[in-house]
mmCIF file of all heavy atoms, coordinates in Angstrom:
data_MODEL
# 
_entry.id   MODEL 
# 
loop_
_atom_site.group_PDB 
_atom_site.id 
_atom_site.type_symbol 
_atom_site.label_atom_id 
_atom_site.label_alt_id 
_atom_site.label_comp_id 
_atom_site.label_asym_id 
_atom_site.label_entity_id 
_atom_site.label_seq_id 
_atom_site.pdbx_PDB_ins_code 
_atom_site.Cartn_x 
_atom_site.Cartn_y 
_atom_site.Cartn_z 
_atom_site.occupancy 
_atom_site.B_iso_or_equiv 
_atom_site.pdbx_formal_charge 
_atom_site.auth_seq_id 
_atom_site.auth_comp_id 
_atom_site.auth_asym_id 
_atom_site.auth_atom_id 
_atom_site.pdbx_PDB_model_num 
ATOM 1   N N   . ARG A 1 1  ? 100.821 87.932  93.938  1.00 0.00 ? 1  ARG A N   1 
ATOM 2   C CA  . ARG A 1 1  ? 99.613  88.479  93.336  1.00 0.00 ? 1  ARG A CA  1 
ATOM 3   C C   . ARG A 1 1  ? 98.883  89.354  94.356  1.00 0.00 ? 1  ARG A C   1 
ATOM 4   O O   . ARG A 1 1  ? 98.106  88.872  95.153  1.00 0.00 ? 1  ARG A O   1 
ATOM 5   C CB  . ARG A 1 1  ? 98.688  87.354  92.850  1.00 0.00 ? 1  ARG A CB  1 
ATOM 6   C CG  . ARG A 1 1  ? 99.242  86.566  91.680  1.00 0.00 ? 1  ARG A CG  1 
ATOM 7   C CD  . ARG A 1 1  ? 98.233  85.557  91.190  1.00 0.00 ? 1  ARG A CD  1 
ATOM 8   N NE  . ARG A 1 1  ? 98.686  84.899  89.974  1.00 0.00 ? 1  ARG A NE  1 
ATOM 9   C CZ  . ARG A 1 1  ? 99.474  83.839  89.958  1.00 0.00 ? 1  ARG A CZ  1 
ATOM 10  N NH1 . ARG A 1 1  ? 99.884  83.320  91.100  1.00 0.00 ? 1  ARG A NH1 1 
ATOM 11  N NH2 . ARG A 1 1  ? 99.838  83.298  88.824  1.00 0.00 ? 1  ARG A NH2 1 
ATOM 12  N N   . PRO A 1 2  ? 99.157  90.650  94.343  1.00 0.00 ? 2  PRO A N   1 
ATOM 13  C CA  . PRO A 1 2  ? 98.477  91.550  95.273  1.00 0.00 ? 2  PRO A CA  1 
ATOM 14  C C   . PRO A 1 2  ? 97.047  91.814  94.835  1.00 0.00 ? 2  PRO A C   1 
ATOM 15  O O   . PRO A 1 2  ? 96.708  91.661  93.662  1.00 0.00 ? 2  PRO A O   1 
ATOM 16  C CB  . PRO A 1 2  ? 99.322  92.821  95.187  1.00 0.00 ? 2  PRO A CB  1 
ATOM 17  C CG  . PRO A 1 2  ? 99.865  92.792  93.799  1.00 0.00 ? 2  PRO A CG  1 
ATOM 18  C CD  . PRO A 1 2  ? 100.096 91.338  93.477  1.00 0.00 ? 2  PRO A CD  1 
ATOM 19  N N   . THR A 1 3  ? 96.239  92.189  95.747  1.00 0.00 ? 3  THR A N   1 
ATOM 20  C CA  . THR A 1 3  ? 94.858  92.557  95.460  1.00 0.00 ? 3  THR A CA  1 
ATOM 21  C C   . THR A 1 3  ? 94.719  94.058  95.612  1.00 0.00 ? 3  THR A C   1 
ATOM 22  O O   . THR A 1 3  ? 94.981  94.613  96.681  1.00 0.00 ? 3  THR A O   1 
ATOM 23  C CB  . THR A 1 3  ? 93.888  91.854  96.428  1.00 0.00 ? 3  THR A CB  1 
ATOM 24  O OG1 . THR A 1 3  ? 94.047  90.443  96.286  1.00 0.00 ? 3  THR A OG1 1 
ATOM 25  C CG2 . THR A 1 3  ? 92.457  92.252  96.120  1.00 0.00 ? 3  THR A CG2 1 
ATOM 26  N N   . ALA A 1 4  ? 94.323  94.716  94.545  1.00 0.00 ? 4  ALA A N   1 
ATOM 27  C CA  . ALA A 1 4  ? 94.160  96.164  94.583  1.00 0.00 ? 4  ALA A CA  1 
ATOM 28  C C   . ALA A 1 4  ? 92.703  96.507  94.853  1.00 0.00 ? 4  ALA A C   1 
ATOM 29  O O   . ALA A 1 4  ? 91.790  95.861  94.352  1.00 0.00 ? 4  ALA A O   1 
ATOM 30  C CB  . ALA A 1 4  ? 94.602  96.779  93.254  1.00 0.00 ? 4  ALA A CB  1 
ATOM 31  N N   . SER A 1 5  ? 92.475  97.516  95.660  1.00 0.00 ? 5  SER A N   1 
ATOM 32  C CA  . SER A 1 5  ? 91.112  97.956  95.953  1.00 0.00 ? 5  SER A CA  1 
ATOM 33  C C   . SER A 1 5  ? 91.025  99.454  95.722  1.00 0.00 ? 5  SER A C   1 
ATOM 34  O O   . SER A 1 5  ? 91.996  100.174 95.880  1.00 0.00 ? 5  SER A O   1 
ATOM 35  C CB  . SER A 1 5  ? 90.734  97.616  97.401  1.00 0.00 ? 5  SER A CB  1 
ATOM 36  O OG  . SER A 1 5  ? 91.609  98.249  98.302  1.00 0.00 ? 5  SER A OG  1 
ATOM 37  N N   . GLN A 1 6  ? 89.870  99.917  95.349  1.00 0.00 ? 6  GLN A N   1 
ATOM 38  C CA  . GLN A 1 6  ? 89.655  101.330 95.107  1.00 0.00 ? 6  GLN A CA  1 
ATOM 39  C C   . GLN A 1 6  ? 88.520  101.827 95.972  1.00 0.00 ? 6  GLN A C   1 
ATOM 40  O O   . GLN A 1 6  ? 87.531  101.128 96.180  1.00 0.00 ? 6  GLN A O   1 
ATOM 41  C CB  . GLN A 1 6  ? 89.316  101.587 93.637  1.00 0.00 ? 6  GLN A CB  1 
ATOM 42  C CG  . GLN A 1 6  ? 90.445  101.221 92.678  1.00 0.00 ? 6  GLN A CG  1 
ATOM 43  C CD  . GLN A 1 6  ? 90.073  101.529 91.254  1.00 0.00 ? 6  GLN A CD  1 
ATOM 44  O OE1 . GLN A 1 6  ? 88.898  101.655 90.929  1.00 0.00 ? 6  GLN A OE1 1 
ATOM 45  N NE2 . GLN A 1 6  ? 91.078  101.645 90.397  1.00 0.00 ? 6  GLN A NE2 1 
ATOM 46  N N   . THR A 1 7  ? 88.688  103.025 96.485  1.00 0.00 ? 7  THR A N   1 
ATOM 47  C CA  . THR A 1 7  ? 87.661  103.641 97.333  1.00 0.00 ? 7  THR A CA  1 
ATOM 48  C C   . THR A 1 7  ? 87.300  104.986 96.738  1.00 0.00 ? 7  THR A C   1 
ATOM 49  O O   . THR A 1 7  ? 88.178  105.808 96.471  1.00 0.00 ? 7  THR A O   1 
ATOM 50  C CB  . THR A 1 7  ? 88.182  103.840 98.770  1.00 0.00 ? 7  THR A CB  1 
ATOM 51  O OG1 . THR A 1 7  ? 88.580  102.571 99.283  1.00 0.00 ? 7  THR A OG1 1 
ATOM 52  C CG2 . THR A 1 7  ? 87.102  104.453 99.658  1.00 0.00 ? 7  THR A CG2 1 
ATOM 53  N N   . ARG A 1 8  ? 86.021  105.202 96.502  1.00 0.00 ? 8  ARG A N   1 
ATOM 54  C CA  . ARG A 1 8  ? 85.563  106.490 95.974  1.00 0.00 ? 8  ARG A CA  1 
ATOM 55  C C   . ARG A 1 8  ? 85.303  107.445 97.125  1.00 0.00 ? 8  ARG A C   1 
ATOM 56  O O   . ARG A 1 8  ? 84.601  107.106 98.080  1.00 0.00 ? 8  ARG A O   1 
ATOM 57  C CB  . ARG A 1 8  ? 84.288  106.326 95.153  1.00 0.00 ? 8  ARG A CB  1 
ATOM 58  C CG  . ARG A 1 8  ? 84.493  105.543 93.856  1.00 0.00 ? 8  ARG A CG  1 
ATOM 59  C CD  . ARG A 1 8  ? 83.223  105.500 93.048  1.00 0.00 ? 8  ARG A CD  1 
ATOM 60  N NE  . ARG A 1 8  ? 83.420  104.821 91.787  1.00 0.00 ? 8  ARG A NE  1 
ATOM 61  C CZ  . ARG A 1 8  ? 83.869  105.418 90.690  1.00 0.00 ? 8  ARG A CZ  1 
ATOM 62  N NH1 . ARG A 1 8  ? 84.132  106.707 90.717  1.00 0.00 ? 8  ARG A NH1 1 
ATOM 63  N NH2 . ARG A 1 8  ? 84.029  104.738 89.578  1.00 0.00 ? 8  ARG A NH2 1 
ATOM 64  N N   . LEU A 1 9  ? 85.883  108.625 97.034  1.00 0.00 ? 9  LEU A N   1 
ATOM 65  C CA  . LEU A 1 9  ? 85.672  109.660 98.039  1.00 0.00 ? 9  LEU A CA  1 
ATOM 66  C C   . LEU A 1 9  ? 84.817  110.754 97.419  1.00 0.00 ? 9  LEU A C   1 
ATOM 67  O O   . LEU A 1 9  ? 85.162  111.310 96.373  1.00 0.00 ? 9  LEU A O   1 
ATOM 68  C CB  . LEU A 1 9  ? 87.008  110.240 98.509  1.00 0.00 ? 9  LEU A CB  1 
ATOM 69  C CG  . LEU A 1 9  ? 87.958  109.241 99.197  1.00 0.00 ? 9  LEU A CG  1 
ATOM 70  C CD1 . LEU A 1 9  ? 89.276  109.919 99.506  1.00 0.00 ? 9  LEU A CD1 1 
ATOM 71  C CD2 . LEU A 1 9  ? 87.319  108.728 100.479 1.00 0.00 ? 9  LEU A CD2 1 
ATOM 72  N N   . THR A 1 10 ? 83.696  111.052 98.034  1.00 0.00 ? 10 THR A N   1 
ATOM 73  C CA  . THR A 1 10 ? 82.767  112.045 97.500  1.00 0.00 ? 10 THR A CA  1 
ATOM 74  C C   . THR A 1 10 ? 82.693  113.236 98.444  1.00 0.00 ? 10 THR A C   1 
ATOM 75  O O   . THR A 1 10 ? 82.526  113.061 99.657  1.00 0.00 ? 10 THR A O   1 
ATOM 76  C CB  . THR A 1 10 ? 81.354  111.445 97.365  1.00 0.00 ? 10 THR A CB  1 
ATOM 77  O OG1 . THR A 1 10 ? 81.441  110.263 96.551  1.00 0.00 ? 10 THR A OG1 1 
ATOM 78  C CG2 . THR A 1 10 ? 80.403  112.445 96.736  1.00 0.00 ? 10 THR A CG2 1 
ATOM 79  N N   . PRO A 1 11 ? 82.868  114.460 97.916  1.00 0.00 ? 11 PRO A N   1 
ATOM 80  C CA  . PRO A 1 11 ? 82.753  115.638 98.782  1.00 0.00 ? 11 PRO A CA  1 
ATOM 81  C C   . PRO A 1 11 ? 81.388  115.683 99.450  1.00 0.00 ? 11 PRO A C   1 
ATOM 82  O O   . PRO A 1 11 ? 80.364  115.314 98.863  1.00 0.00 ? 11 PRO A O   1 
ATOM 83  C CB  . PRO A 1 11 ? 82.937  116.801 97.803  1.00 0.00 ? 11 PRO A CB  1 
ATOM 84  C CG  . PRO A 1 11 ? 83.626  116.207 96.613  1.00 0.00 ? 11 PRO A CG  1 
ATOM 85  C CD  . PRO A 1 11 ? 83.136  114.795 96.530  1.00 0.00 ? 11 PRO A CD  1 
ATOM 86  N N   . THR A 1 12 ? 81.356  116.112 100.697 1.00 0.00 ? 12 THR A N   1 
ATOM 87  C CA  . THR A 1 12 ? 80.091  116.243 101.432 1.00 0.00 ? 12 THR A CA  1 
ATOM 88  C C   . THR A 1 12 ? 79.860  117.701 101.770 1.00 0.00 ? 12 THR A C   1 
ATOM 89  O O   . THR A 1 12 ? 80.794  118.491 101.868 1.00 0.00 ? 12 THR A O   1 
ATOM 90  C CB  . THR A 1 12 ? 80.134  115.416 102.724 1.00 0.00 ? 12 THR A CB  1 
ATOM 91  O OG1 . THR A 1 12 ? 81.218  115.895 103.533 1.00 0.00 ? 12 THR A OG1 1 
ATOM 92  C CG2 . THR A 1 12 ? 80.352  113.943 102.429 1.00 0.00 ? 12 THR A CG2 1 
ATOM 93  N N   . LYS A 1 13 ? 78.591  118.077 101.945 1.00 0.00 ? 13 LYS A N   1 
ATOM 94  C CA  . LYS A 1 13 ? 78.250  119.455 102.288 1.00 0.00 ? 13 LYS A CA  1 
ATOM 95  C C   . LYS A 1 13 ? 77.486  119.489 103.608 1.00 0.00 ? 13 LYS A C   1 
ATOM 96  O O   . LYS A 1 13 ? 76.565  118.718 103.816 1.00 0.00 ? 13 LYS A O   1 
ATOM 97  C CB  . LYS A 1 13 ? 77.393  120.091 101.193 1.00 0.00 ? 13 LYS A CB  1 
ATOM 98  C CG  . LYS A 1 13 ? 78.140  120.320 99.880  1.00 0.00 ? 13 LYS A CG  1 
ATOM 99  C CD  . LYS A 1 13 ? 77.267  121.046 98.896  1.00 0.00 ? 13 LYS A CD  1 
ATOM 100 C CE  . LYS A 1 13 ? 78.021  121.328 97.599  1.00 0.00 ? 13 LYS A CE  1 
ATOM 101 N NZ  . LYS A 1 13 ? 77.198  122.059 96.620  1.00 0.00 ? 13 LYS A NZ  1 
ATOM 102 N N   . THR A 1 14 ? 77.910  120.368 104.473 1.00 0.00 ? 14 THR A N   1 
ATOM 103 C CA  . THR A 1 14 ? 77.221  120.579 105.737 1.00 0.00 ? 14 THR A CA  1 
ATOM 104 C C   . THR A 1 14 ? 77.136  122.073 105.980 1.00 0.00 ? 14 THR A C   1 
ATOM 105 O O   . THR A 1 14 ? 78.160  122.747 106.073 1.00 0.00 ? 14 THR A O   1 
ATOM 106 C CB  . THR A 1 14 ? 77.977  119.902 106.896 1.00 0.00 ? 14 THR A CB  1 
ATOM 107 O OG1 . THR A 1 14 ? 78.120  118.517 106.591 1.00 0.00 ? 14 THR A OG1 1 
ATOM 108 C CG2 . THR A 1 14 ? 77.231  120.071 108.206 1.00 0.00 ? 14 THR A CG2 1 
ATOM 109 N N   . MET A 1 15 ? 75.929  122.600 106.041 1.00 0.00 ? 15 MET A N   1 
ATOM 110 C CA  . MET A 1 15 ? 75.688  124.016 106.273 1.00 0.00 ? 15 MET A CA  1 
ATOM 111 C C   . MET A 1 15 ? 76.516  124.870 105.307 1.00 0.00 ? 15 MET A C   1 
ATOM 112 O O   . MET A 1 15 ? 77.210  125.795 105.691 1.00 0.00 ? 15 MET A O   1 
ATOM 113 C CB  . MET A 1 15 ? 76.012  124.391 107.717 1.00 0.00 ? 15 MET A CB  1 
ATOM 114 C CG  . MET A 1 15 ? 75.133  123.643 108.711 1.00 0.00 ? 15 MET A CG  1 
ATOM 115 S SD  . MET A 1 15 ? 75.185  124.312 110.355 1.00 0.00 ? 15 MET A SD  1 
ATOM 116 C CE  . MET A 1 15 ? 74.644  125.978 110.128 1.00 0.00 ? 15 MET A CE  1 
ATOM 117 N N   . SER A 1 16 ? 76.420  124.495 104.027 1.00 0.00 ? 16 SER A N   1 
ATOM 118 C CA  . SER A 1 16 ? 77.058  125.240 102.944 1.00 0.00 ? 16 SER A CA  1 
ATOM 119 C C   . SER A 1 16 ? 78.588  125.228 102.992 1.00 0.00 ? 16 SER A C   1 
ATOM 120 O O   . SER A 1 16 ? 79.238  125.976 102.295 1.00 0.00 ? 16 SER A O   1 
ATOM 121 C CB  . SER A 1 16 ? 76.575  126.713 102.937 1.00 0.00 ? 16 SER A CB  1 
ATOM 122 O OG  . SER A 1 16 ? 75.182  126.745 102.763 1.00 0.00 ? 16 SER A OG  1 
ATOM 123 N N   . ILE A 1 17 ? 79.171  124.358 103.856 1.00 0.00 ? 17 ILE A N   1 
ATOM 124 C CA  . ILE A 1 17 ? 80.635  124.255 103.903 1.00 0.00 ? 17 ILE A CA  1 
ATOM 125 C C   . ILE A 1 17 ? 81.042  123.003 103.139 1.00 0.00 ? 17 ILE A C   1 
ATOM 126 O O   . ILE A 1 17 ? 80.597  121.898 103.465 1.00 0.00 ? 17 ILE A O   1 
ATOM 127 C CB  . ILE A 1 17 ? 81.138  124.179 105.359 1.00 0.00 ? 17 ILE A CB  1 
ATOM 128 C CG1 . ILE A 1 17 ? 80.744  125.455 106.105 1.00 0.00 ? 17 ILE A CG1 1 
ATOM 129 C CG2 . ILE A 1 17 ? 82.648  123.960 105.397 1.00 0.00 ? 17 ILE A CG2 1 
ATOM 130 C CD1 . ILE A 1 17 ? 81.111  125.439 107.573 1.00 0.00 ? 17 ILE A CD1 1 
ATOM 131 N N   . THR A 1 18 ? 81.878  123.155 102.112 1.00 0.00 ? 18 THR A N   1 
ATOM 132 C CA  . THR A 1 18 ? 82.294  122.028 101.280 1.00 0.00 ? 18 THR A CA  1 
ATOM 133 C C   . THR A 1 18 ? 83.563  121.396 101.827 1.00 0.00 ? 18 THR A C   1 
ATOM 134 O O   . THR A 1 18 ? 84.549  122.085 102.067 1.00 0.00 ? 18 THR A O   1 
ATOM 135 C CB  . THR A 1 18 ? 82.532  122.469 99.832  1.00 0.00 ? 18 THR A CB  1 
ATOM 136 O OG1 . THR A 1 18 ? 81.330  123.059 99.326  1.00 0.00 ? 18 THR A OG1 1 
ATOM 137 C CG2 . THR A 1 18 ? 82.953  121.281 98.971  1.00 0.00 ? 18 THR A CG2 1 
ATOM 138 N N   . VAL A 1 19 ? 83.522  120.104 102.026 1.00 0.00 ? 19 VAL A N   1 
ATOM 139 C CA  . VAL A 1 19 ? 84.692  119.353 102.481 1.00 0.00 ? 19 VAL A CA  1 
ATOM 140 C C   . VAL A 1 19 ? 85.269  118.617 101.282 1.00 0.00 ? 19 VAL A C   1 
ATOM 141 O O   . VAL A 1 19 ? 84.580  117.808 100.659 1.00 0.00 ? 19 VAL A O   1 
ATOM 142 C CB  . VAL A 1 19 ? 84.309  118.351 103.591 1.00 0.00 ? 19 VAL A CB  1 
ATOM 143 C CG1 . VAL A 1 19 ? 85.548  117.574 104.043 1.00 0.00 ? 19 VAL A CG1 1 
ATOM 144 C CG2 . VAL A 1 19 ? 83.681  119.093 104.763 1.00 0.00 ? 19 VAL A CG2 1 
ATOM 145 N N   . SER A 1 20 ? 86.515  118.894 100.947 1.00 0.00 ? 20 SER A N   1 
ATOM 146 C CA  . SER A 1 20 ? 87.145  118.272 99.787  1.00 0.00 ? 20 SER A CA  1 
ATOM 147 C C   . SER A 1 20 ? 87.622  116.871 100.123 1.00 0.00 ? 20 SER A C   1 
ATOM 148 O O   . SER A 1 20 ? 87.927  116.564 101.274 1.00 0.00 ? 20 SER A O   1 
ATOM 149 C CB  . SER A 1 20 ? 88.340  119.118 99.322  1.00 0.00 ? 20 SER A CB  1 
ATOM 150 O OG  . SER A 1 20 ? 87.909  120.415 98.967  1.00 0.00 ? 20 SER A OG  1 
ATOM 151 N N   . PRO A 1 21 ? 87.684  116.007 99.121  1.00 0.00 ? 21 PRO A N   1 
ATOM 152 C CA  . PRO A 1 21 ? 88.209  114.659 99.360  1.00 0.00 ? 21 PRO A CA  1 
ATOM 153 C C   . PRO A 1 21 ? 89.658  114.708 99.844  1.00 0.00 ? 21 PRO A C   1 
ATOM 154 O O   . PRO A 1 21 ? 90.421  115.594 99.472  1.00 0.00 ? 21 PRO A O   1 
ATOM 155 C CB  . PRO A 1 21 ? 88.117  113.985 97.990  1.00 0.00 ? 21 PRO A CB  1 
ATOM 156 C CG  . PRO A 1 21 ? 87.161  114.829 97.205  1.00 0.00 ? 21 PRO A CG  1 
ATOM 157 C CD  . PRO A 1 21 ? 87.275  116.214 97.740  1.00 0.00 ? 21 PRO A CD  1 
ATOM 158 N N   . THR A 1 22 ? 90.044  113.744 100.660 1.00 0.00 ? 22 THR A N   1 
ATOM 159 C CA  . THR A 1 22 ? 91.419  113.645 101.125 1.00 0.00 ? 22 THR A CA  1 
ATOM 160 C C   . THR A 1 22 ? 92.290  113.074 100.000 1.00 0.00 ? 22 THR A C   1 
ATOM 161 O O   . THR A 1 22 ? 91.945  112.068 99.392  1.00 0.00 ? 22 THR A O   1 
ATOM 162 C CB  . THR A 1 22 ? 91.518  112.727 102.349 1.00 0.00 ? 22 THR A CB  1 
ATOM 163 O OG1 . THR A 1 22 ? 90.685  113.253 103.375 1.00 0.00 ? 22 THR A OG1 1 
ATOM 164 C CG2 . THR A 1 22 ? 92.956  112.630 102.844 1.00 0.00 ? 22 THR A CG2 1 
ATOM 165 N N   . VAL A 1 23 ? 93.402  113.734 99.730  1.00 0.00 ? 23 VAL A N   1 
ATOM 166 C CA  . VAL A 1 23 ? 94.300  113.279 98.689  1.00 0.00 ? 23 VAL A CA  1 
ATOM 167 C C   . VAL A 1 23 ? 95.305  112.301 99.297  1.00 0.00 ? 23 VAL A C   1 
ATOM 168 O O   . VAL A 1 23 ? 95.995  112.631 100.252 1.00 0.00 ? 23 VAL A O   1 
ATOM 169 C CB  . VAL A 1 23 ? 95.051  114.453 98.031  1.00 0.00 ? 23 VAL A CB  1 
ATOM 170 C CG1 . VAL A 1 23 ? 96.035  113.947 96.983  1.00 0.00 ? 23 VAL A CG1 1 
ATOM 171 C CG2 . VAL A 1 23 ? 94.054  115.430 97.423  1.00 0.00 ? 23 VAL A CG2 1 
ATOM 172 N N   . THR A 1 24 ? 95.373  111.104 98.765  1.00 0.00 ? 24 THR A N   1 
ATOM 173 C CA  . THR A 1 24 ? 96.310  110.098 99.266  1.00 0.00 ? 24 THR A CA  1 
ATOM 174 C C   . THR A 1 24 ? 97.230  109.642 98.135  1.00 0.00 ? 24 THR A C   1 
ATOM 175 O O   . THR A 1 24 ? 96.881  109.704 96.967  1.00 0.00 ? 24 THR A O   1 
ATOM 176 C CB  . THR A 1 24 ? 95.560  108.878 99.827  1.00 0.00 ? 24 THR A CB  1 
ATOM 177 O OG1 . THR A 1 24 ? 94.751  108.318 98.784  1.00 0.00 ? 24 THR A OG1 1 
ATOM 178 C CG2 . THR A 1 24 ? 94.679  109.255 100.990 1.00 0.00 ? 24 THR A CG2 1 
ATOM 179 N N   . THR A 1 25 ? 98.419  109.202 98.513  1.00 0.00 ? 25 THR A N   1 
ATOM 180 C CA  . THR A 1 25 ? 99.367  108.695 97.528  1.00 0.00 ? 25 THR A CA  1 
ATOM 181 C C   . THR A 1 25 ? 99.002  107.270 97.149  1.00 0.00 ? 25 THR A C   1 
ATOM 182 O O   . THR A 1 25 ? 98.797  106.417 98.004  1.00 0.00 ? 25 THR A O   1 
ATOM 183 C CB  . THR A 1 25 ? 100.792 108.722 98.099  1.00 0.00 ? 25 THR A CB  1 
ATOM 184 O OG1 . THR A 1 25 ? 101.124 110.066 98.441  1.00 0.00 ? 25 THR A OG1 1 
ATOM 185 C CG2 . THR A 1 25 ? 101.797 108.198 97.077  1.00 0.00 ? 25 THR A CG2 1 
# 
C-alpha cells in the first residue's frame, strides 16, 4: 500500500520575469 502525495507548483514572478513550473514525470 503505497502512499501518494501531490505537490502544487505555482509560477512565481520576479521583476516581470515569469518562471514556469518544473515538469516532472
